[in-house]
Amino acid sequence: MYSTREDGEMNATLENAKEVAADDYFLLATRNWDDKLEDFLPVDDPSTEIQTFDDYADAETAYFSKNYESCSQSGGRDVKIELMHMRFRIPHIVRNQILFP
């Protein structure tokens, strides 16, 4: 949707708002420990469980409801839970915790 300003030029503000929303969401990643890396597996690893949310409150509720028993892929190893705000494809860590067996 476009609006016209008094000087006759077009203003694309509303059109751009839809594109911004697609690049503004929350990601909850459940990452497993890897002994060989001596670190947690990256977010883009196939074993990483990913959930996405449009609303922060829903993402935070999911984050706080995670416990070790709900991490089926843990395999008796430590698990890292990260809540990230994805803005223009750039991750910003909001919260993180490590769960132990």
PDB file of N, CA and C in Angstrom:
ATOM      1  N   MET A   1       0.846  -1.168   0.000  1.00  0.00           N
ATOM      2  CA  MET A   1       0.000   0.000   0.000  1.00  0.00           C
ATOM      3  C   MET A   1       0.895   1.236   0.000  1.00  0.00           C
ATOM      4  N   TYR A   2       0.592   2.156  -0.867  1.00  0.00           N
ATOM      5  CA  TYR A   2       1.345   3.393  -0.960  1.00  0.00           C
ATOM      6  C   TYR A   2       0.443   4.565  -0.629  1.00  0.00           C
ATOM      7  N   SER A   3       1.036   5.621  -0.130  1.00  0.00           N
ATOM      8  CA  SER A   3       0.299   6.866   0.060  1.00  0.00           C
ATOM      9  C   SER A   3       1.012   7.951  -0.733  1.00  0.00           C
ATOM     10  N   THR A   4       0.277   8.953  -1.120  1.00  0.00           N
ATOM     11  CA  THR A   4       0.856  10.027  -1.913  1.00  0.00           C
ATOM     12  C   THR A   4       1.043  11.253  -1.027  1.00  0.00           C
ATOM     13  N   ARG A   5       2.204  11.807  -1.074  1.00  0.00           N
ATOM     14  CA  ARG A   5       2.465  13.040  -0.332  1.00  0.00           C
ATOM     15  C   ARG A   5       1.934  14.218  -1.131  1.00  0.00           C
ATOM     16  N   GLU A   6       1.855  15.379  -0.493  1.00  0.00           N
ATOM     17  CA  GLU A   6       1.328  16.562  -1.153  1.00  0.00           C
ATOM     18  C   GLU A   6       2.140  16.971  -2.371  1.00  0.00           C
ATOM     19  N   ASP A   7       3.441  16.687  -2.361  1.00  0.00           N
ATOM     20  CA  ASP A   7       4.277  17.097  -3.481  1.00  0.00           C
ATOM     21  C   ASP A   7       4.226  16.104  -4.642  1.00  0.00           C
ATOM     22  N   GLY A   8       3.380  15.065  -4.526  1.00  0.00           N
ATOM     23  CA  GLY A   8       3.197  14.132  -5.620  1.00  0.00           C
ATOM     24  C   GLY A   8       4.105  12.924  -5.591  1.00  0.00           C
ATOM     25  N   GLU A   9       5.085  12.876  -4.668  1.00  0.00           N
ATOM     26  CA  GLU A   9       5.976  11.726  -4.589  1.00  0.00           C
ATOM     27  C   GLU A   9       5.318  10.609  -3.783  1.00  0.00           C
ATOM     28  N   MET A  10       5.710   9.395  -4.100  1.00  0.00           N
ATOM     29  CA  MET A  10       5.140   8.235  -3.419  1.00  0.00           C
ATOM     30  C   MET A  10       5.917   7.949  -2.134  1.00  0.00           C
ATOM     31  N   ASN A  11       5.214   7.433  -1.148  1.00  0.00           N
ATOM     32  CA  ASN A  11       5.814   7.054   0.115  1.00  0.00           C
ATOM     33  C   ASN A  11       5.563   5.559   0.310  1.00  0.00           C
ATOM     34  N   ALA A  12       6.607   4.748   0.370  1.00  0.00           N
ATOM     35  CA  ALA A  12       6.477   3.290   0.437  1.00  0.00           C
ATOM     36  C   ALA A  12       6.599   2.747   1.852  1.00  0.00           C
ATOM     37  N   THR A  13       6.347   3.567   2.852  1.00  0.00           N
ATOM     38  CA  THR A  13       6.549   3.148   4.236  1.00  0.00           C
ATOM     39  C   THR A  13       5.737   1.909   4.599  1.00  0.00           C
ATOM     40  N   LEU A  14       4.467   1.875   4.276  1.00  0.00           N
ATOM     41  CA  LEU A  14       3.641   0.730   4.641  1.00  0.00           C
ATOM     42  C   LEU A  14       4.050  -0.529   3.895  1.00  0.00           C
ATOM     43  N   GLU A  15       4.463  -0.406   2.679  1.00  0.00           N
ATOM     44  CA  GLU A  15       4.914  -1.559   1.904  1.00  0.00           C
ATOM     45  C   GLU A  15       6.171  -2.163   2.536  1.00  0.00           C
ATOM     46  N   ASN A  16       7.084  -1.324   2.974  1.00  0.00           N
ATOM     47  CA  ASN A  16       8.325  -1.800   3.578  1.00  0.00           C
ATOM     48  C   ASN A  16       8.092  -2.437   4.937  1.00  0.00           C
ATOM     49  N   ALA A  17       7.044  -2.048   5.643  1.00  0.00           N
ATOM     50  CA  ALA A  17       6.775  -2.596   6.969  1.00  0.00           C
ATOM     51  C   ALA A  17       6.552  -4.105   6.907  1.00  0.00           C
ATOM     52  N   LYS A  18       5.931  -4.604   5.844  1.00  0.00           N
ATOM     53  CA  LYS A  18       5.712  -6.037   5.704  1.00  0.00           C
ATOM     54  C   LYS A  18       7.036  -6.780   5.556  1.00  0.00           C
ATOM     55  N   GLU A  19       7.978  -6.217   4.843  1.00  0.00           N
ATOM     56  CA  GLU A  19       9.280  -6.854   4.650  1.00  0.00           C
ATOM     57  C   GLU A  19      10.061  -6.891   5.951  1.00  0.00           C
ATOM     58  N   VAL A  20       9.976  -5.851   6.752  1.00  0.00           N
ATOM     59  CA  VAL A  20      10.689  -5.796   8.025  1.00  0.00           C
ATOM     60  C   VAL A  20      10.187  -6.890   8.958  1.00  0.00           C
ATOM     61  N   ALA A  21       8.878  -7.108   8.996  1.00  0.00           N
ATOM     62  CA  ALA A  21       8.315  -8.110   9.896  1.00  0.00           C
ATOM     63  C   ALA A  21       8.875  -9.499   9.602  1.00  0.00           C
ATOM     64  N   ALA A  22       9.122  -9.814   8.346  1.00  0.00           N
ATOM     65  CA  ALA A  22       9.678 -11.121   7.988  1.00  0.00           C
ATOM     66  C   ALA A  22      11.105 -11.278   8.500  1.00  0.00           C
ATOM     67  N   ASP A  23      11.814 -10.197   8.693  1.00  0.00           N
ATOM     68  CA  ASP A  23      13.189 -10.233   9.186  1.00  0.00           C
ATOM     69  C   ASP A  23      13.285  -9.846  10.655  1.00  0.00           C
ATOM     70  N   ASP A  24      12.181  -9.985  11.384  1.00  0.00           N
ATOM     71  CA  ASP A  24      12.141  -9.607  12.794  1.00  0.00           C
ATOM     72  C   ASP A  24      11.349 -10.666  13.547  1.00  0.00           C
ATOM     73  N   TYR A  25      12.071 -11.632  14.137  1.00  0.00           N
ATOM     74  CA  TYR A  25      11.397 -12.716  14.846  1.00  0.00           C
ATOM     75  C   TYR A  25      12.320 -13.247  15.934  1.00  0.00           C
ATOM     76  N   PHE A  26      11.806 -14.171  16.732  1.00  0.00           N
ATOM     77  CA  PHE A  26      12.568 -14.777  17.821  1.00  0.00           C
ATOM     78  C   PHE A  26      12.798 -16.252  17.511  1.00  0.00           C
ATOM     79  N   LEU A  27      13.983 -16.715  17.835  1.00  0.00           N
ATOM     80  CA  LEU A  27      14.387 -18.083  17.546  1.00  0.00           C
ATOM     81  C   LEU A  27      14.821 -18.737  18.852  1.00  0.00           C
ATOM     82  N   LEU A  28      14.288 -19.917  19.120  1.00  0.00           N
ATOM     83  CA  LEU A  28      14.670 -20.692  20.294  1.00  0.00           C
ATOM     84  C   LEU A  28      15.434 -21.913  19.799  1.00  0.00           C
ATOM     85  N   ALA A  29      16.712 -21.998  20.152  1.00  0.00           N
ATOM     86  CA  ALA A  29      17.581 -23.081  19.677  1.00  0.00           C
ATOM     87  C   ALA A  29      17.995 -23.963  20.854  1.00  0.00           C
ATOM     88  N   THR A  30      17.851 -25.268  20.668  1.00  0.00           N
ATOM     89  CA  THR A  30      18.306 -26.249  21.652  1.00  0.00           C
ATOM     90  C   THR A  30      19.518 -26.935  21.041  1.00  0.00           C
ATOM     91  N   ARG A  31      20.708 -26.618  21.582  1.00  0.00           N
ATOM     92  CA  ARG A  31      21.971 -27.075  21.006  1.00  0.00           C
ATOM     93  C   ARG A  31      22.616 -28.140  21.887  1.00  0.00           C
ATOM     94  N   ASN A  32      23.182 -29.151  21.255  1.00  0.00           N
ATOM     95  CA  ASN A  32      23.831 -30.268  21.960  1.00  0.00           C
ATOM     96  C   ASN A  32      25.333 -30.046  22.096  1.00  0.00           C
ATOM     97  N   TRP A  33      25.887 -30.649  23.154  1.00  0.00           N
ATOM     98  CA  TRP A  33      27.329 -30.614  23.375  1.00  0.00           C
ATOM     99  C   TRP A  33      28.010 -31.603  22.440  1.00  0.00           C
ATOM    100  N   ASP A  34      29.155 -31.200  21.881  1.00  0.00           N
ATOM    101  CA  ASP A  34      29.944 -32.085  21.020  1.00  0.00           C
ATOM    102  C   ASP A  34      31.329 -32.229  21.643  1.00  0.00           C
ATOM    103  N   ASP A  35      31.701 -33.463  22.007  1.00  0.00           N
ATOM    104  CA  ASP A  35      33.000 -33.714  22.640  1.00  0.00           C
ATOM    105  C   ASP A  35      34.172 -33.368  21.720  1.00  0.00           C
ATOM    106  N   LYS A  36      34.025 -33.633  20.427  1.00  0.00           N
ATOM    107  CA  LYS A  36      35.123 -33.347  19.495  1.00  0.00           C
ATOM    108  C   LYS A  36      35.365 -31.850  19.355  1.00  0.00           C
ATOM    109  N   LEU A  37      34.291 -31.077  19.285  1.00  0.00           N
ATOM    110  CA  LEU A  37      34.433 -29.616  19.181  1.00  0.00           C
ATOM    111  C   LEU A  37      34.786 -28.979  20.521  1.00  0.00           C
ATOM    112  N   GLU A  38      34.469 -29.702  21.599  1.00  0.00           N
ATOM    113  CA  GLU A  38      34.557 -29.163  22.954  1.00  0.00           C
ATOM    114  C   GLU A  38      33.750 -27.871  23.057  1.00  0.00           C
ATOM    115  N   ASP A  39      32.578 -27.924  22.439  1.00  0.00           N
ATOM    116  CA  ASP A  39      31.660 -26.788  22.424  1.00  0.00           C
ATOM    117  C   ASP A  39      30.288 -27.314  22.021  1.00  0.00           C
ATOM    118  N   PHE A  40      29.306 -26.444  22.074  1.00  0.00           N
ATOM    119  CA  PHE A  40      27.975 -26.821  21.620  1.00  0.00           C
ATOM    120  C   PHE A  40      27.925 -26.724  20.103  1.00  0.00           C
ATOM    121  N   LEU A  41      27.123 -27.596  19.502  1.00  0.00           N
ATOM    122  CA  LEU A  41      26.987 -27.589  18.046  1.00  0.00           C
ATOM    123  C   LEU A  41      26.366 -26.268  17.587  1.00  0.00           C
ATOM    124  N   PRO A  42      26.691 -25.825  16.390  1.00  0.00           N
ATOM    125  CA  PRO A  42      26.158 -24.548  15.908  1.00  0.00           C
ATOM    126  C   PRO A  42      24.644 -24.597  15.694  1.00  0.00           C
ATOM    127  N   VAL A  43      24.047 -23.437  15.646  1.00  0.00           N
ATOM    128  CA  VAL A  43      22.600 -23.333  15.464  1.00  0.00           C
ATOM    129  C   VAL A  43      22.159 -23.968  14.147  1.00  0.00           C
ATOM    130  N   ASP A  44      22.977 -23.867  13.113  1.00  0.00           N
ATOM    131  CA  ASP A  44      22.586 -24.405  11.810  1.00  0.00           C
ATOM    132  C   ASP A  44      22.871 -25.905  11.653  1.00  0.00           C
ATOM    133  N   ASP A  45      23.325 -26.572  12.721  1.00  0.00           N
ATOM    134  CA  ASP A  45      23.554 -28.020  12.668  1.00  0.00           C
ATOM    135  C   ASP A  45      22.207 -28.749  12.598  1.00  0.00           C
ATOM    136  N   PRO A  46      22.119 -29.841  11.822  1.00  0.00           N
ATOM    137  CA  PRO A  46      20.843 -30.563  11.693  1.00  0.00           C
ATOM    138  C   PRO A  46      20.287 -31.108  13.013  1.00  0.00           C
ATOM    139  N   SER A  47      21.145 -31.342  13.998  1.00  0.00           N
ATOM    140  CA  SER A  47      20.660 -31.874  15.271  1.00  0.00           C
ATOM    141  C   SER A  47      20.095 -30.794  16.196  1.00  0.00           C
ATOM    142  N   THR A  48      20.301 -29.541  15.852  1.00  0.00           N
ATOM    143  CA  THR A  48      19.797 -28.445  16.677  1.00  0.00           C
ATOM    144  C   THR A  48      18.296 -28.297  16.464  1.00  0.00           C
ATOM    145  N   GLU A  49      17.568 -28.315  17.574  1.00  0.00           N
ATOM    146  CA  GLU A  49      16.115 -28.129  17.514  1.00  0.00           C
ATOM    147  C   GLU A  49      15.828 -26.628  17.472  1.00  0.00           C
ATOM    148  N   ILE A  50      15.037 -26.203  16.491  1.00  0.00           N
ATOM    149  CA  ILE A  50      14.751 -24.779  16.290  1.00  0.00           C
ATOM    150  C   ILE A  50      13.245 -24.549  16.371  1.00  0.00           C
ATOM    151  N   GLN A  51      12.857 -23.506  17.101  1.00  0.00           N
ATOM    152  CA  GLN A  51      11.477 -23.032  17.116  1.00  0.00           C
ATOM    153  C   GLN A  51      11.522 -21.542  16.818  1.00  0.00           C
ATOM    154  N   THR A  52      10.562 -21.035  16.050  1.00  0.00           N
ATOM    155  CA  THR A  52      10.513 -19.610  15.755  1.00  0.00           C
ATOM    156  C   THR A  52       9.197 -19.023  16.261  1.00  0.00           C
ATOM    157  N   PHE A  53       9.267 -17.755  16.654  1.00  0.00           N
ATOM    158  CA  PHE A  53       8.119 -17.058  17.218  1.00  0.00           C
ATOM    159  C   PHE A  53       8.084 -15.632  16.689  1.00  0.00           C
ATOM    160  N   ASP A  54       6.878 -15.132  16.447  1.00  0.00           N
ATOM    161  CA  ASP A  54       6.709 -13.731  16.071  1.00  0.00           C
ATOM    162  C   ASP A  54       6.611 -12.841  17.304  1.00  0.00           C
ATOM    163  N   ASP A  55       6.152 -13.423  18.407  1.00  0.00           N
ATOM    164  CA  ASP A  55       5.885 -12.656  19.620  1.00  0.00           C
ATOM    165  C   ASP A  55       6.900 -13.002  20.716  1.00  0.00           C
ATOM    166  N   TYR A  56       7.474 -11.985  21.344  1.00  0.00           N
ATOM    167  CA  TYR A  56       8.476 -12.218  22.381  1.00  0.00           C
ATOM    168  C   TYR A  56       7.900 -12.986  23.565  1.00  0.00           C
ATOM    169  N   ALA A  57       6.683 -12.652  23.976  1.00  0.00           N
ATOM    170  CA  ALA A  57       6.083 -13.318  25.140  1.00  0.00           C
ATOM    171  C   ALA A  57       5.964 -14.825  24.910  1.00  0.00           C
ATOM    172  N   ASP A  58       5.568 -15.234  23.718  1.00  0.00           N
ATOM    173  CA  ASP A  58       5.471 -16.666  23.401  1.00  0.00           C
ATOM    174  C   ASP A  58       6.853 -17.325  23.412  1.00  0.00           C
ATOM    175  N   ALA A  59       7.835 -16.636  22.867  1.00  0.00           N
ATOM    176  CA  ALA A  59       9.201 -17.173  22.833  1.00  0.00           C
ATOM    177  C   ALA A  59       9.760 -17.321  24.244  1.00  0.00           C
ATOM    178  N   GLU A  60       9.514 -16.336  25.087  1.00  0.00           N
ATOM    179  CA  GLU A  60      10.016 -16.389  26.456  1.00  0.00           C
ATOM    180  C   GLU A  60       9.320 -17.503  27.256  1.00  0.00           C
ATOM    181  N   THR A  61       8.038 -17.684  27.038  1.00  0.00           N
ATOM    182  CA  THR A  61       7.310 -18.767  27.701  1.00  0.00           C
ATOM    183  C   THR A  61       7.896 -20.124  27.310  1.00  0.00           C
ATOM    184  N   ALA A  62       8.159 -20.307  26.026  1.00  0.00           N
ATOM    185  CA  ALA A  62       8.771 -21.563  25.555  1.00  0.00           C
ATOM    186  C   ALA A  62      10.159 -21.748  26.149  1.00  0.00           C
ATOM    187  N   TYR A  63      10.928 -20.670  26.235  1.00  0.00           N
ATOM    188  CA  TYR A  63      12.282 -20.728  26.804  1.00  0.00           C
ATOM    189  C   TYR A  63      12.236 -21.216  28.253  1.00  0.00           C
ATOM    190  N   PHE A  64      11.367 -20.609  29.057  1.00  0.00           N
ATOM    191  CA  PHE A  64      11.306 -20.965  30.474  1.00  0.00           C
ATOM    192  C   PHE A  64      10.644 -22.314  30.717  1.00  0.00           C
ATOM    193  N   SER A  65       9.908 -22.833  29.743  1.00  0.00           N
ATOM    194  CA  SER A  65       9.279 -24.142  29.924  1.00  0.00           C
ATOM    195  C   SER A  65      10.222 -25.287  29.554  1.00  0.00           C
ATOM    196  N   LYS A  66      11.376 -24.979  28.966  1.00  0.00           N
ATOM    197  CA  LYS A  66      12.342 -26.025  28.599  1.00  0.00           C
ATOM    198  C   LYS A  66      12.990 -26.602  29.853  1.00  0.00           C
ATOM    199  N   ASN A  67      13.081 -27.920  29.895  1.00  0.00           N
ATOM    200  CA  ASN A  67      13.844 -28.591  30.944  1.00  0.00           C
ATOM    201  C   ASN A  67      14.595 -29.740  30.294  1.00  0.00           C
ATOM    202  N   TYR A  68      15.507 -30.340  31.028  1.00  0.00           N
ATOM    203  CA  TYR A  68      16.370 -31.366  30.438  1.00  0.00           C
ATOM    204  C   TYR A  68      15.560 -32.537  29.900  1.00  0.00           C
ATOM    205  N   GLU A  69      14.523 -32.934  30.606  1.00  0.00           N
ATOM    206  CA  GLU A  69      13.707 -34.084  30.193  1.00  0.00           C
ATOM    207  C   GLU A  69      12.999 -33.818  28.861  1.00  0.00           C
ATOM    208  N   SER A  70      12.708 -32.559  28.555  1.00  0.00           N
ATOM    209  CA  SER A  70      12.009 -32.250  27.298  1.00  0.00           C
ATOM    210  C   SER A  70      12.956 -32.185  26.098  1.00  0.00           C
ATOM    211  N   CYS A  71      14.256 -32.336  26.338  1.00  0.00           N
ATOM    212  CA  CYS A  71      15.253 -32.305  25.259  1.00  0.00           C
ATOM    213  C   CYS A  71      15.566 -33.732  24.838  1.00  0.00           C
ATOM    214  N   SER A  72      14.780 -34.248  23.919  1.00  0.00           N
ATOM    215  CA  SER A  72      14.900 -35.652  23.535  1.00  0.00           C
ATOM    216  C   SER A  72      16.231 -35.992  22.882  1.00  0.00           C
ATOM    217  N   GLN A  73      16.883 -35.024  22.257  1.00  0.00           N
ATOM    218  CA  GLN A  73      18.126 -35.289  21.539  1.00  0.00           C
ATOM    219  C   GLN A  73      19.359 -35.139  22.432  1.00  0.00           C
ATOM    220  N   SER A  74      19.188 -34.954  23.736  1.00  0.00           N
ATOM    221  CA  SER A  74      20.320 -34.682  24.626  1.00  0.00           C
ATOM    222  C   SER A  74      21.311 -35.844  24.722  1.00  0.00           C
ATOM    223  N   GLY A  75      20.838 -37.071  24.762  1.00  0.00           N
ATOM    224  CA  GLY A  75      21.720 -38.238  24.817  1.00  0.00           C
ATOM    225  C   GLY A  75      22.621 -38.264  26.040  1.00  0.00           C
ATOM    226  N   GLY A  76      22.157 -37.735  27.165  1.00  0.00           N
ATOM    227  CA  GLY A  76      22.952 -37.747  28.383  1.00  0.00           C
ATOM    228  C   GLY A  76      24.032 -36.686  28.442  1.00  0.00           C
ATOM    229  N   ARG A  77      24.042 -35.766  27.516  1.00  0.00           N
ATOM    230  CA  ARG A  77      25.054 -34.694  27.479  1.00  0.00           C
ATOM    231  C   ARG A  77      24.413 -33.355  27.822  1.00  0.00           C
ATOM    232  N   ASP A  78      25.248 -32.374  28.082  1.00  0.00           N
ATOM    233  CA  ASP A  78      24.764 -31.031  28.366  1.00  0.00           C
ATOM    234  C   ASP A  78      24.021 -30.475  27.152  1.00  0.00           C
ATOM    235  N   VAL A  79      23.072 -29.591  27.409  1.00  0.00           N
ATOM    236  CA  VAL A  79      22.278 -28.969  26.360  1.00  0.00           C
ATOM    237  C   VAL A  79      22.253 -27.468  26.613  1.00  0.00           C
ATOM    238  N   LYS A  80      22.403 -26.692  25.557  1.00  0.00           N
ATOM    239  CA  LYS A  80      22.347 -25.233  25.675  1.00  0.00           C
ATOM    240  C   LYS A  80      21.068 -24.737  25.012  1.00  0.00           C
ATOM    241  N   ILE A  81      20.310 -23.937  25.741  1.00  0.00           N
ATOM    242  CA  ILE A  81      19.074 -23.351  25.234  1.00  0.00           C
ATOM    243  C   ILE A  81      19.346 -21.860  25.009  1.00  0.00           C
ATOM    244  N   GLU A  82      19.114 -21.393  23.794  1.00  0.00           N
ATOM    245  CA  GLU A  82      19.340 -19.983  23.473  1.00  0.00           C
ATOM    246  C   GLU A  82      18.083 -19.360  22.881  1.00  0.00           C
ATOM    247  N   LEU A  83      17.719 -18.218  23.416  1.00  0.00           N
ATOM    248  CA  LEU A  83      16.637 -17.421  22.854  1.00  0.00           C
ATOM    249  C   LEU A  83      17.291 -16.235  22.166  1.00  0.00           C
ATOM    250  N   MET A  84      17.068 -16.134  20.856  1.00  0.00           N
ATOM    251  CA  MET A  84      17.703 -15.081  20.065  1.00  0.00           C
ATOM    252  C   MET A  84      16.665 -14.228  19.354  1.00  0.00           C
ATOM    253  N   HIS A  85      16.964 -12.962  19.263  1.00  0.00           N
ATOM    254  CA  HIS A  85      16.153 -12.053  18.460  1.00  0.00           C
ATOM    255  C   HIS A  85      16.846 -11.931  17.113  1.00  0.00           C
ATOM    256  N   MET A  86      16.165 -12.359  16.067  1.00  0.00           N
ATOM    257  CA  MET A  86      16.712 -12.275  14.716  1.00  0.00           C
ATOM    258  C   MET A  86      16.188 -10.996  14.078  1.00  0.00           C
ATOM    259  N   ARG A  87      17.084 -10.101  13.779  1.00  0.00           N
ATOM    260  CA  ARG A  87      16.708  -8.819  13.186  1.00  0.00           C
ATOM    261  C   ARG A  87      17.565  -8.621  11.954  1.00  0.00           C
ATOM    262  N   PHE A  88      16.937  -8.589  10.777  1.00  0.00           N
ATOM    263  CA  PHE A  88      17.651  -8.459   9.506  1.00  0.00           C
ATOM    264  C   PHE A  88      18.728  -9.532   9.368  1.00  0.00           C
ATOM    265  N   ARG A  89      18.376 -10.774   9.758  1.00  0.00           N
ATOM    266  CA  ARG A  89      19.234 -11.963   9.672  1.00  0.00           C
ATOM    267  C   ARG A  89      20.445 -11.927  10.612  1.00  0.00           C
ATOM    268  N   ILE A  90      20.454 -11.013  11.555  1.00  0.00           N
ATOM    269  CA  ILE A  90      21.548 -10.921  12.520  1.00  0.00           C
ATOM    270  C   ILE A  90      21.023 -11.399  13.876  1.00  0.00           C
ATOM    271  N   PRO A  91      21.638 -12.451  14.468  1.00  0.00           N
ATOM    272  CA  PRO A  91      21.161 -12.944  15.760  1.00  0.00           C
ATOM    273  C   PRO A  91      21.674 -12.089  16.918  1.00  0.00           C
ATOM    274  N   HIS A  92      20.764 -11.811  17.845  1.00  0.00           N
ATOM    275  CA  HIS A  92      21.094 -11.094  19.073  1.00  0.00           C
ATOM    276  C   HIS A  92      20.618 -11.972  20.231  1.00  0.00           C
ATOM    277  N   ILE A  93      21.533 -12.438  21.056  1.00  0.00           N
ATOM    278  CA  ILE A  93      21.153 -13.339  22.151  1.00  0.00           C
ATOM    279  C   ILE A  93      20.394 -12.547  23.210  1.00  0.00           C
ATOM    280  N   VAL A  94      19.213 -13.056  23.538  1.00  0.00           N
ATOM    281  CA  VAL A  94      18.364 -12.438  24.554  1.00  0.00           C
ATOM    282  C   VAL A  94      18.570 -13.150  25.887  1.00  0.00           C
ATOM    283  N   ARG A  95      18.504 -14.491  25.847  1.00  0.00           N
ATOM    284  CA  ARG A  95      18.711 -15.313  27.048  1.00  0.00           C
ATOM    285  C   ARG A  95      19.384 -16.610  26.631  1.00  0.00           C
ATOM    286  N   ASN A  96      20.149 -17.199  27.556  1.00  0.00           N
ATOM    287  CA  ASN A  96      20.668 -18.545  27.309  1.00  0.00           C
ATOM    288  C   ASN A  96      20.891 -19.253  28.638  1.00  0.00           C
ATOM    289  N   GLN A  97      20.805 -20.561  28.594  1.00  0.00           N
ATOM    290  CA  GLN A  97      21.013 -21.383  29.780  1.00  0.00           C
ATOM    291  C   GLN A  97      21.582 -22.731  29.350  1.00  0.00           C
ATOM    292  N   ILE A  98      22.305 -23.353  30.260  1.00  0.00           N
ATOM    293  CA  ILE A  98      22.849 -24.683  30.001  1.00  0.00           C
ATOM    294  C   ILE A  98      22.154 -25.636  30.960  1.00  0.00           C
ATOM    295  N   LEU A  99      21.632 -26.715  30.400  1.00  0.00           N
ATOM    296  CA  LEU A  99      20.963 -27.744  31.203  1.00  0.00           C
ATOM    297  C   LEU A  99      21.878 -28.957  31.312  1.00  0.00           C
ATOM    298  N   PHE A 100      21.961 -29.514  32.496  1.00  0.00           N
ATOM    299  CA  PHE A 100      22.838 -30.656  32.768  1.00  0.00           C
ATOM    300  C   PHE A 100      22.009 -31.902  33.062  1.00  0.00           C
ATOM    301  N   PRO A 101      22.545 -33.084  32.713  1.00  0.00           N
ATOM    302  CA  PRO A 101      21.804 -34.331  32.993  1.00  0.00           C
ATOM    303  C   PRO A 101      21.688 -34.593  34.488  1.00  0.00           C
TER     304      PRO A 101
END
